[in-house]
Every structure is written in structure tokens, then in C-alpha cells.
Amino acid sequence: MKTLKIRITFQEELLGTSNSDAHLHEKYVASKSPDAKNIAEEVEALGVDNVVSKGMTIFPKENGKPFVWDYQIQGFFKDSCGALARVKSTRSSSIKAFKKIIGGLIFPQPRKIMLNLPEGSVIGTCQRPLRAATAQGERIALANSETVPSGTTMDVDLKLLDDSDKHQKLIVEWLDYGALRGMGGWRSSGKGRFTYEILKG
């Protein structure tokens, strides 16, 4: 087993993706995890009582400080690998059952990955219209999300069960893609784009 330490610095604001409605979030988490302890932990971290709009997506918080869950990093890797699998010249295109490999052999830590805002910065909000084509015609709704500003950093330790450089090279490929695509909500607009550095690997 090897550990890869990575620092991510967001160049664009990062949007929160957790639903602020405790009951809706609890139902969603329950569908993904049978562990009741994890469900309670995640719902508690939302701090729902502090959110005015139930339609807002937010960051979970610990002592008022925002963080992302470890599984969100795995989800980011899966999304990146899935996109890059369509490009024949990438390492990702040669992986079979990539979701099982990422979920079973690459473990982001700690469980709560803290977001370190630049000094003097505060959590903001981002509102934007969402358009969807439905059977009743085009619908428009207003989406609202908490944001952390550009310059926010997060440190992630990745435990890799494969001691070879194989998975490390894949992670670098996914991070390079993420620097272009972004992380978190509303990536299509460039939100969540970042740079990264490998502190240990």
C-alpha cells in the first residue's frame, strides 16, 4: 500500500452539492449506504437548521467549516475516468470495470476533507437558471448553491492498494482532466476548476 498526498487549489469557486433538505438527503444516503451511523453523521453535518432555502445545495460542515466527503473524491475519479475512457490515447481507456477499481482499491482520506478558505473569505452563494426540455415544453427553474471562493484548498491523502505506479499515473490523468473540467456543481460553466500538486507520492 502506498499513500499519495495531494493539495488541490481551486481557481474558480466550488459549488456545494449536498441537499439542504435533511429528509431528502437522508433518503438518498440511505439508498446508497446501509450503515445507519453514516446516514446520521451525514445528515447532522448538513446543519439544515441554518439554511433558509430548502432548494439550496450546500456544503456539509464541522464546527462551521465546510468539507467534502471522501466518497465525493471517488465519485470525481469515476466521472473523470468515464469521460477519458472515450479517448483511445488515455490510460483510462484501457481499464475494465473502472468503478470497481476506483471504489475498491483507491481510498481518499480523511473521511471529512476540509476546505480551507483564503483568509478573510466567507462562504458565498451562486444562483443560476436551469433549463430542461420536458413533455410539457421547456421549463426553467432557479438553482441556488453555497460556494467557496477561488484560492480555497483541500488536502487529500489517497491510500493506493496497488504499490506499482499504475494507479498513481491514472490519478494524475484524472486530476489533469479535472483541472479542465472542474469539480462539484455546475462544472459546465467552469466552476470548480483547480490546480494541484503532489506533496508525497
N, C-alpha and C. Protein backbone atom coordinates (compact mmCIF):
# COMPACT_ATOMS: atom_id res chain seq x y z
N MET A 1 0.85 -1.19 0.00
CA MET A 1 0.00 0.00 0.00
C MET A 1 0.88 1.24 0.00
N LYS A 2 0.50 2.23 -0.78
CA LYS A 2 1.24 3.50 -0.78
C LYS A 2 0.26 4.65 -0.57
N THR A 3 0.78 5.76 -0.09
CA THR A 3 -0.05 6.94 0.15
C THR A 3 0.40 8.07 -0.76
N LEU A 4 -0.56 8.66 -1.44
CA LEU A 4 -0.32 9.81 -2.30
C LEU A 4 -0.97 11.01 -1.64
N LYS A 5 -0.18 12.03 -1.33
CA LYS A 5 -0.73 13.24 -0.70
C LYS A 5 -0.87 14.31 -1.78
N ILE A 6 -2.07 14.86 -1.88
CA ILE A 6 -2.36 15.83 -2.93
C ILE A 6 -2.97 17.08 -2.33
N ARG A 7 -2.53 18.23 -2.81
CA ARG A 7 -3.18 19.50 -2.44
C ARG A 7 -3.84 20.07 -3.69
N ILE A 8 -5.12 20.33 -3.57
CA ILE A 8 -5.90 20.92 -4.66
C ILE A 8 -6.19 22.38 -4.31
N THR A 9 -5.95 23.28 -5.26
CA THR A 9 -6.25 24.70 -5.09
C THR A 9 -7.25 25.10 -6.16
N PHE A 10 -8.41 25.54 -5.74
CA PHE A 10 -9.46 25.88 -6.69
C PHE A 10 -9.17 27.25 -7.33
N GLN A 11 -9.23 27.27 -8.65
CA GLN A 11 -9.02 28.50 -9.42
C GLN A 11 -10.34 29.21 -9.70
N GLU A 12 -11.42 28.47 -9.61
CA GLU A 12 -12.78 29.00 -9.74
C GLU A 12 -13.55 28.57 -8.50
N GLU A 13 -14.62 29.28 -8.17
CA GLU A 13 -15.37 28.90 -6.98
C GLU A 13 -15.92 27.48 -7.13
N LEU A 14 -16.02 26.80 -5.99
CA LEU A 14 -16.52 25.44 -5.92
C LEU A 14 -17.93 25.48 -5.34
N LEU A 15 -18.86 24.77 -5.99
CA LEU A 15 -20.25 24.76 -5.52
C LEU A 15 -20.53 23.55 -4.65
N GLY A 16 -21.28 23.77 -3.58
CA GLY A 16 -21.73 22.67 -2.73
C GLY A 16 -22.74 21.82 -3.47
N THR A 17 -22.77 20.53 -3.15
CA THR A 17 -23.68 19.62 -3.85
C THR A 17 -24.60 18.83 -2.93
N SER A 18 -24.52 19.05 -1.61
CA SER A 18 -25.39 18.33 -0.69
C SER A 18 -26.73 19.03 -0.59
N ASN A 19 -27.81 18.25 -0.59
CA ASN A 19 -29.13 18.85 -0.50
C ASN A 19 -29.38 19.33 0.92
N SER A 20 -29.93 20.52 1.05
CA SER A 20 -30.15 21.10 2.37
C SER A 20 -31.40 20.56 3.06
N ASP A 21 -32.22 19.79 2.36
CA ASP A 21 -33.39 19.19 2.96
C ASP A 21 -32.96 17.90 3.65
N ALA A 22 -32.98 17.87 4.97
CA ALA A 22 -32.48 16.73 5.75
C ALA A 22 -33.18 15.44 5.38
N HIS A 23 -34.51 15.48 5.19
CA HIS A 23 -35.26 14.25 4.92
C HIS A 23 -34.94 13.71 3.54
N LEU A 24 -34.81 14.61 2.57
CA LEU A 24 -34.46 14.18 1.21
C LEU A 24 -33.05 13.61 1.19
N HIS A 25 -32.12 14.28 1.86
CA HIS A 25 -30.73 13.80 1.89
C HIS A 25 -30.64 12.46 2.61
N GLU A 26 -31.37 12.34 3.71
CA GLU A 26 -31.35 11.09 4.48
C GLU A 26 -31.84 9.93 3.62
N LYS A 27 -32.90 10.17 2.86
CA LYS A 27 -33.44 9.14 2.00
C LYS A 27 -32.43 8.75 0.92
N TYR A 28 -31.73 9.75 0.36
CA TYR A 28 -30.73 9.49 -0.68
C TYR A 28 -29.56 8.71 -0.11
N VAL A 29 -29.03 9.14 1.03
CA VAL A 29 -27.90 8.45 1.65
C VAL A 29 -28.30 7.03 2.00
N ALA A 30 -29.51 6.85 2.50
CA ALA A 30 -29.98 5.51 2.87
C ALA A 30 -30.01 4.59 1.65
N SER A 31 -30.30 5.16 0.48
CA SER A 31 -30.34 4.33 -0.72
C SER A 31 -28.94 3.92 -1.17
N LYS A 32 -27.92 4.66 -0.72
CA LYS A 32 -26.54 4.38 -1.12
C LYS A 32 -25.77 3.59 -0.08
N SER A 33 -26.17 3.67 1.17
CA SER A 33 -25.41 3.03 2.24
C SER A 33 -26.33 2.42 3.28
N PRO A 34 -26.12 1.16 3.62
CA PRO A 34 -26.96 0.53 4.64
C PRO A 34 -26.50 0.85 6.06
N ASP A 35 -25.43 1.61 6.19
CA ASP A 35 -24.84 1.90 7.50
C ASP A 35 -25.57 3.08 8.15
N ALA A 36 -26.40 2.81 9.15
CA ALA A 36 -27.20 3.86 9.79
C ALA A 36 -26.32 4.92 10.44
N LYS A 37 -25.15 4.53 10.93
CA LYS A 37 -24.25 5.50 11.56
C LYS A 37 -23.82 6.55 10.55
N ASN A 38 -23.48 6.12 9.32
CA ASN A 38 -23.07 7.07 8.29
C ASN A 38 -24.22 8.00 7.91
N ILE A 39 -25.43 7.48 7.83
CA ILE A 39 -26.59 8.30 7.49
C ILE A 39 -26.75 9.42 8.52
N ALA A 40 -26.74 9.07 9.78
CA ALA A 40 -26.90 10.07 10.84
C ALA A 40 -25.78 11.09 10.81
N GLU A 41 -24.55 10.63 10.57
CA GLU A 41 -23.38 11.52 10.53
C GLU A 41 -23.52 12.53 9.41
N GLU A 42 -23.95 12.07 8.24
CA GLU A 42 -24.05 12.97 7.10
C GLU A 42 -25.18 13.98 7.26
N VAL A 43 -26.32 13.52 7.75
CA VAL A 43 -27.44 14.45 7.94
C VAL A 43 -27.09 15.50 8.98
N GLU A 44 -26.41 15.08 10.06
CA GLU A 44 -26.01 16.03 11.10
C GLU A 44 -25.04 17.08 10.55
N ALA A 45 -24.15 16.67 9.66
CA ALA A 45 -23.13 17.58 9.11
C ALA A 45 -23.71 18.64 8.20
N LEU A 46 -24.96 18.44 7.74
CA LEU A 46 -25.57 19.42 6.85
C LEU A 46 -25.95 20.71 7.57
N GLY A 47 -26.22 20.63 8.86
CA GLY A 47 -26.62 21.83 9.59
C GLY A 47 -27.85 22.46 8.97
N VAL A 48 -28.84 21.66 8.71
CA VAL A 48 -30.02 22.09 7.96
C VAL A 48 -30.72 23.29 8.59
N ASP A 49 -30.73 23.38 9.91
CA ASP A 49 -31.44 24.47 10.58
C ASP A 49 -30.88 25.84 10.20
N ASN A 50 -29.64 25.89 9.73
CA ASN A 50 -29.02 27.16 9.37
C ASN A 50 -29.29 27.57 7.93
N VAL A 51 -29.99 26.73 7.19
CA VAL A 51 -30.24 27.01 5.78
C VAL A 51 -31.66 27.50 5.60
N VAL A 52 -31.82 28.66 4.95
CA VAL A 52 -33.14 29.23 4.78
C VAL A 52 -33.87 28.56 3.62
N SER A 53 -33.18 28.40 2.51
CA SER A 53 -33.83 27.84 1.32
C SER A 53 -33.61 26.34 1.23
N LYS A 54 -34.69 25.58 1.21
CA LYS A 54 -34.56 24.12 1.11
C LYS A 54 -34.14 23.71 -0.29
N GLY A 55 -34.23 24.62 -1.26
CA GLY A 55 -33.81 24.28 -2.61
C GLY A 55 -32.32 24.47 -2.82
N MET A 56 -31.61 24.93 -1.83
CA MET A 56 -30.19 25.23 -1.97
C MET A 56 -29.35 23.98 -1.77
N THR A 57 -28.30 23.84 -2.59
CA THR A 57 -27.31 22.80 -2.32
C THR A 57 -26.20 23.45 -1.49
N ILE A 58 -25.70 22.69 -0.52
CA ILE A 58 -24.78 23.27 0.46
C ILE A 58 -23.57 22.36 0.67
N PHE A 59 -22.65 22.83 1.50
CA PHE A 59 -21.53 22.02 1.95
C PHE A 59 -21.86 21.46 3.34
N PRO A 60 -21.53 20.21 3.60
CA PRO A 60 -21.61 19.75 4.99
C PRO A 60 -20.57 20.52 5.79
N LYS A 61 -20.78 20.65 7.08
CA LYS A 61 -19.86 21.46 7.90
C LYS A 61 -19.54 20.78 9.22
N GLU A 62 -18.34 21.05 9.70
CA GLU A 62 -17.92 20.61 11.02
C GLU A 62 -17.42 21.84 11.76
N ASN A 63 -18.08 22.17 12.87
CA ASN A 63 -17.78 23.40 13.61
C ASN A 63 -17.81 24.62 12.70
N GLY A 64 -18.77 24.63 11.80
CA GLY A 64 -18.95 25.77 10.90
C GLY A 64 -18.03 25.80 9.70
N LYS A 65 -17.11 24.83 9.59
CA LYS A 65 -16.16 24.81 8.48
C LYS A 65 -16.61 23.80 7.42
N PRO A 66 -16.62 24.21 6.14
CA PRO A 66 -17.11 23.31 5.08
C PRO A 66 -16.11 22.21 4.75
N PHE A 67 -16.66 21.10 4.29
CA PHE A 67 -15.80 20.00 3.85
C PHE A 67 -16.52 19.21 2.77
N VAL A 68 -15.78 18.30 2.12
CA VAL A 68 -16.39 17.34 1.20
C VAL A 68 -16.13 15.95 1.78
N TRP A 69 -17.03 15.02 1.46
CA TRP A 69 -16.88 13.65 1.94
C TRP A 69 -15.87 12.90 1.08
N ASP A 70 -15.23 11.90 1.65
CA ASP A 70 -14.24 11.09 0.94
C ASP A 70 -14.83 10.47 -0.33
N TYR A 71 -16.09 10.01 -0.26
CA TYR A 71 -16.67 9.34 -1.43
C TYR A 71 -16.91 10.31 -2.59
N GLN A 72 -16.95 11.62 -2.31
CA GLN A 72 -17.10 12.58 -3.39
C GLN A 72 -15.83 12.64 -4.25
N ILE A 73 -14.69 12.39 -3.63
CA ILE A 73 -13.44 12.34 -4.40
C ILE A 73 -13.44 11.10 -5.27
N GLN A 74 -13.89 9.96 -4.72
CA GLN A 74 -14.01 8.76 -5.54
C GLN A 74 -14.97 9.00 -6.70
N GLY A 75 -16.07 9.69 -6.44
CA GLY A 75 -17.03 10.00 -7.49
C GLY A 75 -16.41 10.87 -8.58
N PHE A 76 -15.58 11.82 -8.16
CA PHE A 76 -14.88 12.67 -9.12
C PHE A 76 -13.96 11.82 -10.00
N PHE A 77 -13.24 10.86 -9.39
CA PHE A 77 -12.35 9.99 -10.17
C PHE A 77 -13.16 9.13 -11.15
N LYS A 78 -14.29 8.63 -10.71
CA LYS A 78 -15.13 7.80 -11.59
C LYS A 78 -15.64 8.61 -12.78
N ASP A 79 -16.08 9.85 -12.51
CA ASP A 79 -16.57 10.72 -13.57
C ASP A 79 -15.45 11.02 -14.57
N SER A 80 -14.26 11.32 -14.05
CA SER A 80 -13.12 11.63 -14.92
C SER A 80 -12.73 10.43 -15.76
N CYS A 81 -12.64 9.26 -15.12
CA CYS A 81 -12.25 8.05 -15.83
C CYS A 81 -13.28 7.68 -16.89
N GLY A 82 -14.55 7.83 -16.56
CA GLY A 82 -15.61 7.52 -17.51
C GLY A 82 -15.54 8.39 -18.76
N ALA A 83 -15.20 9.66 -18.58
CA ALA A 83 -15.08 10.56 -19.73
C ALA A 83 -13.83 10.23 -20.54
N LEU A 84 -12.71 10.01 -19.84
CA LEU A 84 -11.44 9.75 -20.53
C LEU A 84 -11.41 8.38 -21.20
N ALA A 85 -12.27 7.47 -20.77
CA ALA A 85 -12.33 6.15 -21.39
C ALA A 85 -12.72 6.25 -22.87
N ARG A 86 -13.33 7.37 -23.25
CA ARG A 86 -13.73 7.57 -24.64
C ARG A 86 -12.58 8.06 -25.52
N VAL A 87 -11.44 8.37 -24.88
CA VAL A 87 -10.28 8.87 -25.63
C VAL A 87 -9.25 7.75 -25.68
N LYS A 88 -9.06 7.17 -26.85
CA LYS A 88 -8.25 5.96 -27.00
C LYS A 88 -6.79 6.13 -26.57
N SER A 89 -6.28 7.35 -26.60
CA SER A 89 -4.87 7.57 -26.26
C SER A 89 -4.63 7.68 -24.75
N THR A 90 -5.68 7.58 -23.94
CA THR A 90 -5.51 7.73 -22.49
C THR A 90 -5.33 6.38 -21.80
N ARG A 91 -4.73 6.43 -20.61
CA ARG A 91 -4.60 5.22 -19.78
C ARG A 91 -5.98 4.73 -19.35
N SER A 92 -6.89 5.66 -19.12
CA SER A 92 -8.23 5.31 -18.65
C SER A 92 -9.00 4.45 -19.64
N SER A 93 -8.69 4.59 -20.93
CA SER A 93 -9.43 3.84 -21.95
C SER A 93 -9.14 2.35 -21.90
N SER A 94 -8.05 1.96 -21.23
CA SER A 94 -7.68 0.54 -21.18
C SER A 94 -8.18 -0.17 -19.91
N ILE A 95 -8.88 0.57 -19.01
CA ILE A 95 -9.34 -0.02 -17.75
C ILE A 95 -10.71 -0.65 -17.93
N LYS A 96 -10.82 -1.89 -17.48
CA LYS A 96 -12.11 -2.57 -17.46
C LYS A 96 -12.69 -2.45 -16.05
N ALA A 97 -13.99 -2.29 -15.94
CA ALA A 97 -14.68 -2.19 -14.64
C ALA A 97 -14.04 -1.13 -13.75
N PHE A 98 -13.86 0.08 -14.31
CA PHE A 98 -13.13 1.13 -13.59
C PHE A 98 -13.81 1.55 -12.30
N LYS A 99 -15.14 1.47 -12.23
CA LYS A 99 -15.82 1.87 -10.99
C LYS A 99 -15.46 0.95 -9.83
N LYS A 100 -15.33 -0.35 -10.12
CA LYS A 100 -14.94 -1.29 -9.07
C LYS A 100 -13.49 -1.07 -8.64
N ILE A 101 -12.64 -0.74 -9.58
CA ILE A 101 -11.22 -0.49 -9.26
C ILE A 101 -11.10 0.75 -8.38
N ILE A 102 -11.77 1.83 -8.77
CA ILE A 102 -11.68 3.07 -8.00
C ILE A 102 -12.32 2.89 -6.62
N GLY A 103 -13.48 2.25 -6.57
CA GLY A 103 -14.17 2.06 -5.30
C GLY A 103 -13.51 1.06 -4.38
N GLY A 104 -12.77 0.09 -4.95
CA GLY A 104 -12.20 -0.97 -4.14
C GLY A 104 -10.71 -0.90 -3.88
N LEU A 105 -9.99 -0.05 -4.64
CA LEU A 105 -8.53 -0.02 -4.49
C LEU A 105 -7.93 1.36 -4.22
N ILE A 106 -8.75 2.41 -4.33
CA ILE A 106 -8.26 3.78 -4.11
C ILE A 106 -9.14 4.43 -3.04
N PHE A 107 -8.52 4.78 -1.91
CA PHE A 107 -9.29 5.27 -0.76
C PHE A 107 -8.85 6.67 -0.34
N PRO A 108 -9.67 7.69 -0.67
CA PRO A 108 -9.37 9.05 -0.21
C PRO A 108 -9.56 9.14 1.30
N GLN A 109 -8.70 9.91 1.96
CA GLN A 109 -8.79 10.14 3.40
C GLN A 109 -8.43 11.58 3.70
N PRO A 110 -8.86 12.13 4.82
CA PRO A 110 -9.73 11.54 5.83
C PRO A 110 -11.18 11.47 5.33
N ARG A 111 -12.07 10.96 6.16
CA ARG A 111 -13.49 10.87 5.77
C ARG A 111 -14.05 12.24 5.43
N LYS A 112 -13.74 13.23 6.29
CA LYS A 112 -14.16 14.61 6.04
C LYS A 112 -12.94 15.38 5.55
N ILE A 113 -12.96 15.80 4.29
CA ILE A 113 -11.83 16.51 3.69
C ILE A 113 -12.16 18.00 3.76
N MET A 114 -11.46 18.68 4.66
CA MET A 114 -11.78 20.07 4.95
C MET A 114 -11.41 21.00 3.79
N LEU A 115 -12.25 22.01 3.59
CA LEU A 115 -11.99 23.07 2.61
C LEU A 115 -11.42 24.26 3.35
N ASN A 116 -10.22 24.66 2.99
CA ASN A 116 -9.52 25.76 3.66
C ASN A 116 -9.66 27.03 2.83
N LEU A 117 -10.56 27.91 3.27
CA LEU A 117 -10.82 29.15 2.55
C LEU A 117 -9.67 30.14 2.74
N PRO A 118 -9.42 30.99 1.73
CA PRO A 118 -8.41 32.04 1.91
C PRO A 118 -8.77 32.92 3.11
N GLU A 119 -7.78 33.44 3.78
CA GLU A 119 -8.02 34.26 4.97
C GLU A 119 -8.94 35.43 4.65
N GLY A 120 -9.94 35.63 5.49
CA GLY A 120 -10.89 36.72 5.31
C GLY A 120 -12.05 36.39 4.38
N SER A 121 -12.04 35.19 3.77
CA SER A 121 -13.11 34.80 2.85
C SER A 121 -14.26 34.15 3.60
N VAL A 122 -15.42 34.17 2.99
CA VAL A 122 -16.60 33.55 3.58
C VAL A 122 -17.29 32.70 2.52
N ILE A 123 -18.17 31.83 2.98
CA ILE A 123 -18.98 31.03 2.07
C ILE A 123 -19.97 31.95 1.37
N GLY A 124 -20.06 31.82 0.06
CA GLY A 124 -20.97 32.66 -0.73
C GLY A 124 -22.10 31.82 -1.31
N THR A 125 -22.81 32.40 -2.28
CA THR A 125 -23.87 31.67 -2.97
C THR A 125 -23.78 31.94 -4.46
N CYS A 126 -24.31 31.01 -5.23
CA CYS A 126 -24.36 31.14 -6.69
C CYS A 126 -25.75 30.75 -7.14
N GLN A 127 -26.43 31.68 -7.82
CA GLN A 127 -27.75 31.39 -8.38
C GLN A 127 -27.63 31.38 -9.89
N ARG A 128 -28.32 30.41 -10.52
CA ARG A 128 -28.30 30.33 -11.98
C ARG A 128 -29.57 29.65 -12.45
N PRO A 129 -30.01 29.94 -13.67
CA PRO A 129 -31.20 29.28 -14.20
C PRO A 129 -30.87 27.88 -14.71
N LEU A 130 -31.79 26.95 -14.50
CA LEU A 130 -31.67 25.61 -15.05
C LEU A 130 -32.78 25.44 -16.08
N ARG A 131 -32.40 24.99 -17.27
CA ARG A 131 -33.39 24.78 -18.32
C ARG A 131 -33.49 23.29 -18.61
N ALA A 132 -34.70 22.81 -18.79
CA ALA A 132 -34.91 21.40 -19.11
C ALA A 132 -36.04 21.28 -20.13
N ALA A 133 -35.83 20.43 -21.13
CA ALA A 133 -36.88 20.15 -22.11
C ALA A 133 -37.72 19.01 -21.57
N THR A 134 -39.02 19.27 -21.38
CA THR A 134 -39.93 18.25 -20.86
C THR A 134 -41.06 18.02 -21.86
N ALA A 135 -41.90 17.03 -21.58
CA ALA A 135 -43.05 16.75 -22.45
C ALA A 135 -44.01 17.94 -22.49
N GLN A 136 -44.01 18.76 -21.44
CA GLN A 136 -44.88 19.94 -21.38
C GLN A 136 -44.20 21.18 -21.96
N GLY A 137 -43.01 21.02 -22.53
CA GLY A 137 -42.27 22.15 -23.08
C GLY A 137 -41.05 22.47 -22.23
N GLU A 138 -40.35 23.52 -22.60
CA GLU A 138 -39.15 23.90 -21.86
C GLU A 138 -39.52 24.48 -20.50
N ARG A 139 -38.83 24.02 -19.46
CA ARG A 139 -39.05 24.51 -18.10
C ARG A 139 -37.79 25.20 -17.63
N ILE A 140 -37.97 26.26 -16.86
CA ILE A 140 -36.85 26.97 -16.28
C ILE A 140 -37.05 27.07 -14.78
N ALA A 141 -36.01 26.75 -14.03
CA ALA A 141 -36.04 26.86 -12.57
C ALA A 141 -34.78 27.57 -12.12
N LEU A 142 -34.80 28.08 -10.91
CA LEU A 142 -33.64 28.77 -10.37
C LEU A 142 -32.91 27.83 -9.41
N ALA A 143 -31.64 27.60 -9.70
CA ALA A 143 -30.81 26.77 -8.81
C ALA A 143 -29.98 27.68 -7.93
N ASN A 144 -29.75 27.25 -6.69
CA ASN A 144 -29.02 28.07 -5.71
C ASN A 144 -28.06 27.16 -4.96
N SER A 145 -26.81 27.55 -4.87
CA SER A 145 -25.80 26.72 -4.21
C SER A 145 -24.88 27.56 -3.35
N GLU A 146 -24.42 26.97 -2.24
CA GLU A 146 -23.33 27.58 -1.49
C GLU A 146 -22.05 27.44 -2.31
N THR A 147 -21.13 28.39 -2.12
CA THR A 147 -19.86 28.34 -2.82
C THR A 147 -18.71 28.67 -1.87
N VAL A 148 -17.54 28.13 -2.19
CA VAL A 148 -16.31 28.59 -1.55
C VAL A 148 -15.49 29.26 -2.66
N PRO A 149 -14.73 30.31 -2.34
CA PRO A 149 -14.09 31.12 -3.38
C PRO A 149 -12.85 30.49 -3.99
N SER A 150 -12.42 31.07 -5.11
CA SER A 150 -11.15 30.65 -5.70
C SER A 150 -10.05 30.91 -4.67
N GLY A 151 -9.03 30.08 -4.70
CA GLY A 151 -7.98 30.14 -3.69
C GLY A 151 -8.20 29.18 -2.54
N THR A 152 -9.40 28.60 -2.45
CA THR A 152 -9.69 27.57 -1.44
C THR A 152 -8.86 26.33 -1.74
N THR A 153 -8.32 25.71 -0.69
CA THR A 153 -7.52 24.50 -0.88
C THR A 153 -8.13 23.33 -0.11
N MET A 154 -7.74 22.13 -0.53
CA MET A 154 -8.05 20.94 0.26
C MET A 154 -6.91 19.94 0.09
N ASP A 155 -6.58 19.28 1.18
CA ASP A 155 -5.52 18.27 1.18
C ASP A 155 -6.16 16.89 1.28
N VAL A 156 -5.79 16.02 0.36
CA VAL A 156 -6.35 14.67 0.29
C VAL A 156 -5.22 13.66 0.36
N ASP A 157 -5.38 12.67 1.22
CA ASP A 157 -4.47 11.52 1.25
C ASP A 157 -5.16 10.39 0.51
N LEU A 158 -4.48 9.84 -0.49
CA LEU A 158 -5.04 8.72 -1.25
C LEU A 158 -4.27 7.45 -0.89
N LYS A 159 -4.96 6.49 -0.29
CA LYS A 159 -4.37 5.19 0.00
C LYS A 159 -4.56 4.30 -1.22
N LEU A 160 -3.46 3.89 -1.82
CA LEU A 160 -3.49 3.06 -3.02
C LEU A 160 -3.07 1.65 -2.66
N LEU A 161 -3.94 0.67 -2.90
CA LEU A 161 -3.61 -0.70 -2.55
C LEU A 161 -2.60 -1.31 -3.51
N ASP A 162 -2.51 -0.78 -4.73
CA ASP A 162 -1.52 -1.24 -5.70
C ASP A 162 -0.24 -0.44 -5.51
N ASP A 163 0.85 -1.11 -5.12
CA ASP A 163 2.12 -0.41 -4.86
C ASP A 163 2.83 0.05 -6.13
N SER A 164 2.44 -0.47 -7.27
CA SER A 164 3.08 -0.03 -8.52
C SER A 164 2.64 1.40 -8.84
N ASP A 165 3.22 1.97 -9.87
CA ASP A 165 2.87 3.33 -10.27
C ASP A 165 1.61 3.39 -11.13
N LYS A 166 1.03 2.22 -11.41
CA LYS A 166 -0.11 2.16 -12.33
C LYS A 166 -1.25 3.07 -11.91
N HIS A 167 -1.70 2.95 -10.67
CA HIS A 167 -2.83 3.76 -10.22
C HIS A 167 -2.44 5.22 -10.01
N GLN A 168 -1.21 5.46 -9.60
CA GLN A 168 -0.77 6.84 -9.44
C GLN A 168 -0.80 7.58 -10.78
N LYS A 169 -0.39 6.91 -11.84
CA LYS A 169 -0.42 7.54 -13.17
C LYS A 169 -1.85 7.82 -13.61
N LEU A 170 -2.76 6.92 -13.26
CA LEU A 170 -4.18 7.15 -13.58
C LEU A 170 -4.72 8.36 -12.81
N ILE A 171 -4.36 8.45 -11.53
CA ILE A 171 -4.84 9.57 -10.72
C ILE A 171 -4.34 10.90 -11.29
N VAL A 172 -3.10 10.94 -11.71
CA VAL A 172 -2.57 12.15 -12.33
C VAL A 172 -3.37 12.49 -13.59
N GLU A 173 -3.70 11.48 -14.39
CA GLU A 173 -4.50 11.70 -15.59
C GLU A 173 -5.87 12.27 -15.24
N TRP A 174 -6.49 11.73 -14.17
CA TRP A 174 -7.82 12.20 -13.76
C TRP A 174 -7.75 13.62 -13.21
N LEU A 175 -6.68 13.92 -12.48
CA LEU A 175 -6.52 15.28 -11.95
C LEU A 175 -6.27 16.29 -13.07
N ASP A 176 -5.48 15.88 -14.07
CA ASP A 176 -5.25 16.76 -15.23
C ASP A 176 -6.56 17.06 -15.94
N TYR A 177 -7.40 16.04 -16.05
CA TYR A 177 -8.71 16.23 -16.67
C TYR A 177 -9.58 17.14 -15.80
N GLY A 178 -9.56 16.90 -14.50
CA GLY A 178 -10.36 17.70 -13.58
C GLY A 178 -9.96 19.16 -13.57
N ALA A 179 -8.68 19.44 -13.82
CA ALA A 179 -8.22 20.83 -13.88
C ALA A 179 -8.92 21.57 -15.02
N LEU A 180 -9.31 20.83 -16.06
CA LEU A 180 -10.05 21.41 -17.19
C LEU A 180 -11.56 21.38 -16.95
N ARG A 181 -12.04 20.27 -16.41
CA ARG A 181 -13.48 20.03 -16.27
C ARG A 181 -14.07 20.64 -15.01
N GLY A 182 -13.28 20.61 -13.91
CA GLY A 182 -13.78 21.13 -12.65
C GLY A 182 -14.31 20.03 -11.75
N MET A 183 -14.73 20.43 -10.57
CA MET A 183 -15.25 19.52 -9.55
C MET A 183 -16.46 20.19 -8.92
N GLY A 184 -17.38 19.38 -8.39
CA GLY A 184 -18.55 19.95 -7.72
C GLY A 184 -19.65 20.28 -8.72
N GLY A 185 -20.53 21.20 -8.33
CA GLY A 185 -21.68 21.56 -9.15
C GLY A 185 -21.36 22.55 -10.26
N TRP A 186 -22.19 22.56 -11.29
CA TRP A 186 -22.15 23.45 -12.45
C TRP A 186 -20.78 23.48 -13.12
N ARG A 187 -20.22 22.31 -13.34
CA ARG A 187 -18.90 22.19 -13.98
C ARG A 187 -18.93 22.68 -15.42
N SER A 188 -20.09 22.59 -16.07
CA SER A 188 -20.16 23.00 -17.47
C SER A 188 -19.85 24.48 -17.66
N SER A 189 -19.94 25.26 -16.58
CA SER A 189 -19.62 26.69 -16.68
C SER A 189 -18.19 26.99 -16.25
N GLY A 190 -17.44 25.94 -15.86
CA GLY A 190 -16.07 26.15 -15.41
C GLY A 190 -15.91 26.20 -13.90
N LYS A 191 -17.02 26.05 -13.18
CA LYS A 191 -16.93 26.07 -11.71
C LYS A 191 -16.12 24.88 -11.22
N GLY A 192 -15.36 25.11 -10.17
CA GLY A 192 -14.60 24.03 -9.56
C GLY A 192 -13.30 23.66 -10.26
N ARG A 193 -12.86 24.45 -11.24
CA ARG A 193 -11.57 24.18 -11.86
C ARG A 193 -10.45 24.41 -10.85
N PHE A 194 -9.38 23.65 -10.99
CA PHE A 194 -8.35 23.69 -9.96
C PHE A 194 -6.97 23.40 -10.53
N THR A 195 -5.97 23.70 -9.73
CA THR A 195 -4.62 23.21 -9.96
C THR A 195 -4.32 22.24 -8.82
N TYR A 196 -3.29 21.45 -8.97
CA TYR A 196 -2.95 20.51 -7.90
C TYR A 196 -1.44 20.32 -7.82
N GLU A 197 -1.01 19.88 -6.67
CA GLU A 197 0.39 19.48 -6.51
C GLU A 197 0.44 18.20 -5.70
N ILE A 198 1.38 17.36 -6.04
CA ILE A 198 1.59 16.12 -5.30
C ILE A 198 2.64 16.39 -4.23
N LEU A 199 2.23 16.32 -2.97
CA LEU A 199 3.12 16.62 -1.86
C LEU A 199 3.95 15.41 -1.48
N LYS A 200 3.40 14.24 -1.72
CA LYS A 200 4.13 12.99 -1.42
C LYS A 200 3.55 11.90 -2.30
N GLY A 201 4.46 11.12 -2.92
CA GLY A 201 3.95 10.06 -3.75
C GLY A 201 5.04 9.11 -4.19
